[in-house]
């Protein structure tokens, strides 16, 4: 049984200088940001903690989020880039891992995978934000389509792997890409380039919040992690689980985690 977040020790809370968090079904509920979650995000920012979403969502979404949300930056498309808004110059900054010509070539290769998945796995669809993606292919199995069973999700993953692509299962999509990168790798780059910190030496100063199997590398890496309650739906398919869990799902669970982290010991 994963202990509840309100059992986290006060000494741990004192060490934390920032929070990384997934968006879909960690910060949202059924695709909506509830007021309690957004208020919690502002509370984090106003308290001086560093705040960075780590998501599989598209570059188009991340452009908006980096500009509009009270955050320090965002890692998107499962680690292909980070964006941040330069408050001094009032402009968005983008840092991709691959140059544009490499990204274009990979998109062509992913198109072949897309066609095979759509032809081979009934009920699948292209992710609704695919037009705004720069680096990966999102296959919808639960967001705007009737939820598919685990066997169908497994078939999607097998097709990605057949072509040598990396794939990760989120709570709504299966995302696939070419390249040896992931959310954790780009998070390390972000922390080094934006804050001048070696994350390996400072990982005990951050908390990660997530909800699904594609967050496992983060759960494995960070000593202090928390899942919203819906992580338990995937627990039997995961090797690495969060250290703590909220008593509520989605945005309410995120707000619960924030309340504990911001609480004066």
Protein backbone atom coordinates (compact mmCIF):
# COMPACT_ATOMS: atom_id res chain seq x y z
CA UNK A 1 0.00 0.00 0.00
CA UNK A 2 1.40 3.39 -1.00
CA UNK A 3 1.33 5.83 1.94
CA UNK A 4 -0.84 8.93 1.60
CA UNK A 5 0.83 12.24 0.85
CA UNK A 6 -0.20 13.73 4.20
CA UNK A 7 2.21 11.30 5.88
CA UNK A 8 5.26 12.87 4.19
CA UNK A 9 7.74 14.04 6.82
CA UNK A 10 8.06 17.76 7.53
CA UNK A 11 11.83 17.58 7.07
CA UNK A 12 11.31 16.45 3.47
CA UNK A 13 8.89 19.31 2.80
CA UNK A 14 11.50 21.81 4.06
CA UNK A 15 14.01 20.60 1.44
CA UNK A 16 11.73 20.96 -1.59
CA UNK A 17 12.39 23.96 -3.84
CA UNK A 18 10.30 22.93 -6.82
CA UNK A 19 7.66 20.63 -8.27
CA UNK A 20 7.59 18.84 -11.62
CA UNK A 21 4.20 17.48 -12.64
CA UNK A 22 2.38 15.68 -15.42
CA UNK A 23 -0.69 17.42 -16.88
CA UNK A 24 -3.31 14.98 -18.22
CA UNK A 25 -5.22 13.30 -15.38
CA UNK A 26 -2.68 14.61 -12.86
CA UNK A 27 -3.54 18.30 -13.14
CA UNK A 28 -6.81 17.77 -15.02
CA UNK A 29 -10.00 15.75 -14.59
CA UNK A 30 -11.45 14.29 -17.79
CA UNK A 31 -9.63 16.91 -19.84
CA UNK A 32 -10.67 19.93 -17.75
CA UNK A 33 -8.60 22.08 -15.40
CA UNK A 34 -10.69 22.56 -12.31
CA UNK A 35 -10.45 25.75 -10.30
CA UNK A 36 -8.92 24.02 -7.29
CA UNK A 37 -6.01 22.75 -9.41
CA UNK A 38 -5.31 26.09 -11.08
CA UNK A 39 -5.52 27.90 -7.75
CA UNK A 40 -3.03 25.37 -6.35
CA UNK A 41 -0.69 26.10 -9.25
CA UNK A 42 -0.79 29.83 -8.51
CA UNK A 43 -0.27 29.10 -4.83
CA UNK A 44 2.90 27.18 -5.68
CA UNK A 45 4.21 29.99 -7.84
CA UNK A 46 3.32 32.69 -5.31
CA UNK A 47 5.08 30.75 -2.55
CA UNK A 48 8.35 30.95 -4.48
CA UNK A 49 8.57 27.28 -5.44
CA UNK A 50 9.76 26.43 -8.95
CA UNK A 51 7.03 24.88 -11.09
CA UNK A 52 7.50 22.94 -14.33
CA UNK A 53 4.95 20.70 -16.10
CA UNK A 54 6.47 17.58 -17.72
CA UNK A 55 4.08 16.37 -20.39
CA UNK A 56 3.54 14.35 -23.53
CA UNK A 57 1.39 17.11 -24.97
CA UNK A 58 2.20 18.83 -28.23
CA UNK A 59 4.45 21.79 -29.02
CA UNK A 60 1.33 23.82 -29.84
CA UNK A 61 -0.14 23.22 -26.42
CA UNK A 62 3.20 23.87 -24.74
CA UNK A 63 3.53 27.20 -26.56
CA UNK A 64 0.27 28.33 -24.96
CA UNK A 65 1.04 26.85 -21.54
CA UNK A 66 4.50 28.42 -21.31
CA UNK A 67 3.02 31.83 -22.12
CA UNK A 68 -0.17 31.70 -20.06
CA UNK A 69 0.36 29.56 -16.98
CA UNK A 70 2.21 30.57 -13.78
CA UNK A 71 5.17 28.27 -14.43
CA UNK A 72 8.93 28.46 -14.93
CA UNK A 73 8.94 26.44 -18.14
CA UNK A 74 7.56 23.25 -19.64
CA UNK A 75 9.03 19.99 -20.97
CA UNK A 76 6.88 18.68 -23.82
CA UNK A 77 6.34 15.79 -26.23
CA UNK A 78 7.87 13.37 -23.73
CA UNK A 79 11.21 15.14 -23.56
CA UNK A 80 11.78 16.38 -27.12
CA UNK A 81 12.04 20.01 -26.01
CA UNK A 82 11.48 22.57 -23.33
CA UNK A 83 9.88 26.00 -23.70
CA UNK A 84 10.02 28.93 -21.33
CA UNK A 85 8.73 32.48 -21.36
CA UNK A 86 11.41 35.14 -21.04
CA UNK A 87 9.74 37.71 -18.78
CA UNK A 88 12.49 40.27 -19.31
CA UNK A 89 12.24 40.27 -23.10
CA UNK A 90 8.56 39.26 -23.17
CA UNK A 91 9.04 36.43 -25.63
CA UNK A 92 8.79 32.66 -25.77
CA UNK A 93 12.05 30.70 -25.92
CA UNK A 94 12.28 27.19 -27.38
CA UNK A 95 14.96 24.56 -26.91
CA UNK A 96 14.63 21.42 -29.07
CA UNK A 97 16.85 18.38 -28.75
CA UNK A 98 16.87 17.76 -32.53
CA UNK A 99 17.29 20.38 -35.30
CA UNK A 100 14.40 20.98 -37.71
CA UNK A 101 15.73 18.80 -40.56
CA UNK A 102 16.05 15.82 -38.22
CA UNK A 103 12.57 16.40 -36.84
CA UNK A 104 11.13 16.54 -40.38
CA UNK A 105 12.75 13.22 -41.31
CA UNK A 106 11.42 11.54 -38.19
CA UNK A 107 7.90 12.81 -38.87
CA UNK A 108 7.98 11.09 -42.27
CA UNK A 109 9.03 7.81 -40.65
CA UNK A 110 6.29 8.13 -38.04
CA UNK A 111 3.69 8.58 -40.80
CA UNK A 112 4.26 4.97 -41.88
CA UNK A 113 3.66 3.79 -38.33
CA UNK A 114 0.52 5.92 -38.12
CA UNK A 115 -0.94 4.29 -41.22
CA UNK A 116 -0.25 0.77 -39.97
CA UNK A 117 -1.72 1.39 -36.52
CA UNK A 118 -4.91 2.91 -37.91
CA UNK A 119 -5.32 0.00 -40.32
CA UNK A 120 -4.45 -2.72 -37.80
CA UNK A 121 -6.02 -1.65 -34.50
CA UNK A 122 -9.75 -0.90 -34.78
CA UNK A 123 -11.03 2.05 -32.78
CA UNK A 124 -7.79 4.00 -32.74
CA UNK A 125 -7.45 7.58 -33.94
CA UNK A 126 -4.75 10.18 -34.29
CA UNK A 127 -4.45 12.34 -31.18
CA UNK A 128 -6.47 15.53 -31.46
CA UNK A 129 -3.34 17.66 -31.01
CA UNK A 130 -1.26 15.83 -33.62
CA UNK A 131 -1.26 18.77 -36.03
CA UNK A 132 0.59 20.77 -33.41
CA UNK A 133 3.28 18.15 -32.71
CA UNK A 134 6.89 18.63 -33.77
CA UNK A 135 8.50 15.32 -32.87
CA UNK A 136 6.22 12.41 -32.06
CA UNK A 137 3.07 10.52 -33.00
CA UNK A 138 0.14 10.46 -30.62
CA UNK A 139 -2.37 7.63 -30.92
CA UNK A 140 -5.66 8.21 -29.10
CA UNK A 141 -6.98 5.19 -27.25
CA UNK A 142 -9.07 6.91 -24.59
CA UNK A 143 -9.45 10.68 -25.03
CA UNK A 144 -11.79 11.27 -27.99
CA UNK A 145 -12.47 7.64 -28.87
CA UNK A 146 -14.32 4.90 -27.05
CA UNK A 147 -11.75 3.50 -24.57
CA UNK A 148 -9.83 0.55 -25.98
CA UNK A 149 -8.90 -2.54 -24.01
CA UNK A 150 -5.40 -3.39 -22.85
CA UNK A 151 -4.85 -5.84 -25.68
CA UNK A 152 -5.44 -3.07 -28.22
CA UNK A 153 -3.04 -0.75 -26.42
CA UNK A 154 -0.45 -3.53 -26.41
CA UNK A 155 -0.89 -3.99 -30.19
CA UNK A 156 -0.28 -0.26 -30.71
CA UNK A 157 2.94 -0.51 -28.71
CA UNK A 158 4.11 -3.56 -30.65
CA UNK A 159 3.75 -1.71 -33.97
CA UNK A 160 5.79 1.23 -32.69
CA UNK A 161 8.49 -1.14 -31.46
CA UNK A 162 8.52 -3.09 -34.73
CA UNK A 163 9.77 0.05 -36.45
CA UNK A 164 12.36 0.74 -33.77
CA UNK A 165 10.43 3.60 -32.19
CA UNK A 166 10.20 4.36 -28.50
CA UNK A 167 6.65 4.38 -27.14
CA UNK A 168 5.03 5.34 -23.87
CA UNK A 169 1.48 4.83 -22.64
CA UNK A 170 -0.20 7.78 -20.95
CA UNK A 171 -3.68 7.85 -19.46
CA UNK A 172 -5.14 8.88 -22.86
CA UNK A 173 -2.58 8.33 -25.64
CA UNK A 174 0.18 6.06 -26.79
CA UNK A 175 3.02 8.33 -27.88
CA UNK A 176 5.86 7.12 -30.08
CA UNK A 177 9.04 8.72 -31.38
CA UNK A 178 12.50 8.04 -32.78
CA UNK A 179 15.44 9.01 -30.62
CA UNK A 180 17.04 8.24 -27.31
CA UNK A 181 15.30 10.83 -25.17
CA UNK A 182 12.62 10.91 -22.52
CA UNK A 183 10.98 13.21 -19.99
CA UNK A 184 13.71 12.72 -17.42
CA UNK A 185 16.58 13.45 -19.78
CA UNK A 186 15.10 16.77 -20.90
CA UNK A 187 14.21 17.67 -17.33
CA UNK A 188 17.89 17.31 -16.45
CA UNK A 189 18.85 19.54 -19.39
CA UNK A 190 16.25 22.12 -18.36
CA UNK A 191 17.46 22.26 -14.76
CA UNK A 192 21.10 22.59 -15.86
CA UNK A 193 20.53 25.19 -18.55
CA UNK A 194 17.88 27.30 -16.84
CA UNK A 195 18.95 27.08 -13.20
CA UNK A 196 22.57 25.99 -13.33
CA UNK A 197 21.84 22.91 -11.21
CA UNK A 198 23.01 19.34 -11.59
CA UNK A 199 19.76 17.44 -11.07
CA UNK A 200 21.56 14.25 -10.08
CA UNK A 201 23.07 16.14 -7.14
CA UNK A 202 19.85 18.00 -6.32
CA UNK A 203 17.02 15.55 -6.97
CA UNK A 204 16.09 15.45 -3.28
CA UNK A 205 15.12 19.13 -3.57
CA UNK A 206 12.26 18.42 -5.99
CA UNK A 207 8.96 16.53 -5.95
CA UNK A 208 7.44 14.89 -9.02
CA UNK A 209 3.68 14.31 -9.42
CA UNK A 210 2.17 11.93 -11.98
CA UNK A 211 -0.59 9.49 -12.77
CA UNK A 212 0.34 6.84 -15.35
CA UNK A 213 2.96 4.39 -16.69
CA UNK A 214 4.76 6.99 -18.80
CA UNK A 215 5.75 8.67 -15.53
CA UNK A 216 7.67 5.61 -14.31
CA UNK A 217 11.17 6.95 -15.15
CA UNK A 218 10.40 9.97 -12.96
CA UNK A 219 9.00 7.82 -10.16
CA UNK A 220 12.13 5.68 -10.31
CA UNK A 221 14.54 8.62 -10.36
CA UNK A 222 13.20 11.08 -7.81
CA UNK A 223 13.29 10.11 -4.12
CA UNK A 224 10.18 12.22 -3.45
CA UNK A 225 7.25 11.48 -5.74
CA UNK A 226 3.49 11.59 -5.46
CA UNK A 227 0.72 10.12 -7.54
CA UNK A 228 -2.85 11.29 -7.75
CA UNK A 229 -5.24 8.53 -6.76
CA UNK A 230 -5.92 7.38 -10.32
CA UNK A 231 -2.35 6.06 -10.52
CA UNK A 232 -3.77 3.02 -8.73
CA UNK A 233 -5.64 2.05 -11.94
CA UNK A 234 -2.24 1.26 -13.49
CA UNK A 235 -0.42 -0.09 -10.44
CA UNK A 236 -0.52 -3.71 -11.57
CA UNK A 237 1.22 -2.75 -14.84
CA UNK A 238 3.98 -0.66 -13.29
CA UNK A 239 7.31 -1.57 -11.79
CA UNK A 240 8.03 1.85 -10.26
CA UNK A 241 5.29 3.53 -8.26
CA UNK A 242 5.25 6.90 -6.48
CA UNK A 243 6.45 7.16 -2.90
CA UNK A 244 3.16 8.75 -1.85
CA UNK A 245 -0.37 8.96 -3.20
CA UNK A 246 -3.19 11.50 -2.88
CA UNK A 247 -6.58 10.45 -1.59
CA UNK A 248 -8.27 12.12 -4.58
CA UNK A 249 -7.96 11.84 -8.34
CA UNK A 250 -6.73 14.31 -10.95
CA UNK A 251 -6.76 18.01 -10.18
CA UNK A 252 -8.21 17.54 -6.71
CA UNK A 253 -5.37 15.15 -5.93
CA UNK A 254 -2.86 17.65 -7.30
CA UNK A 255 -4.31 20.36 -5.06
CA UNK A 256 -4.10 17.98 -2.10
CA UNK A 257 -0.42 17.36 -2.81
CA UNK A 258 0.26 21.08 -3.14
CA UNK A 259 -1.49 21.81 0.16
CA UNK A 260 0.80 19.35 1.95
CA UNK A 261 3.96 20.65 0.27
CA UNK A 262 3.15 24.27 1.05
CA UNK A 263 2.09 23.56 4.62
CA UNK A 264 4.32 25.11 7.27
CA UNK A 265 5.87 22.32 9.33
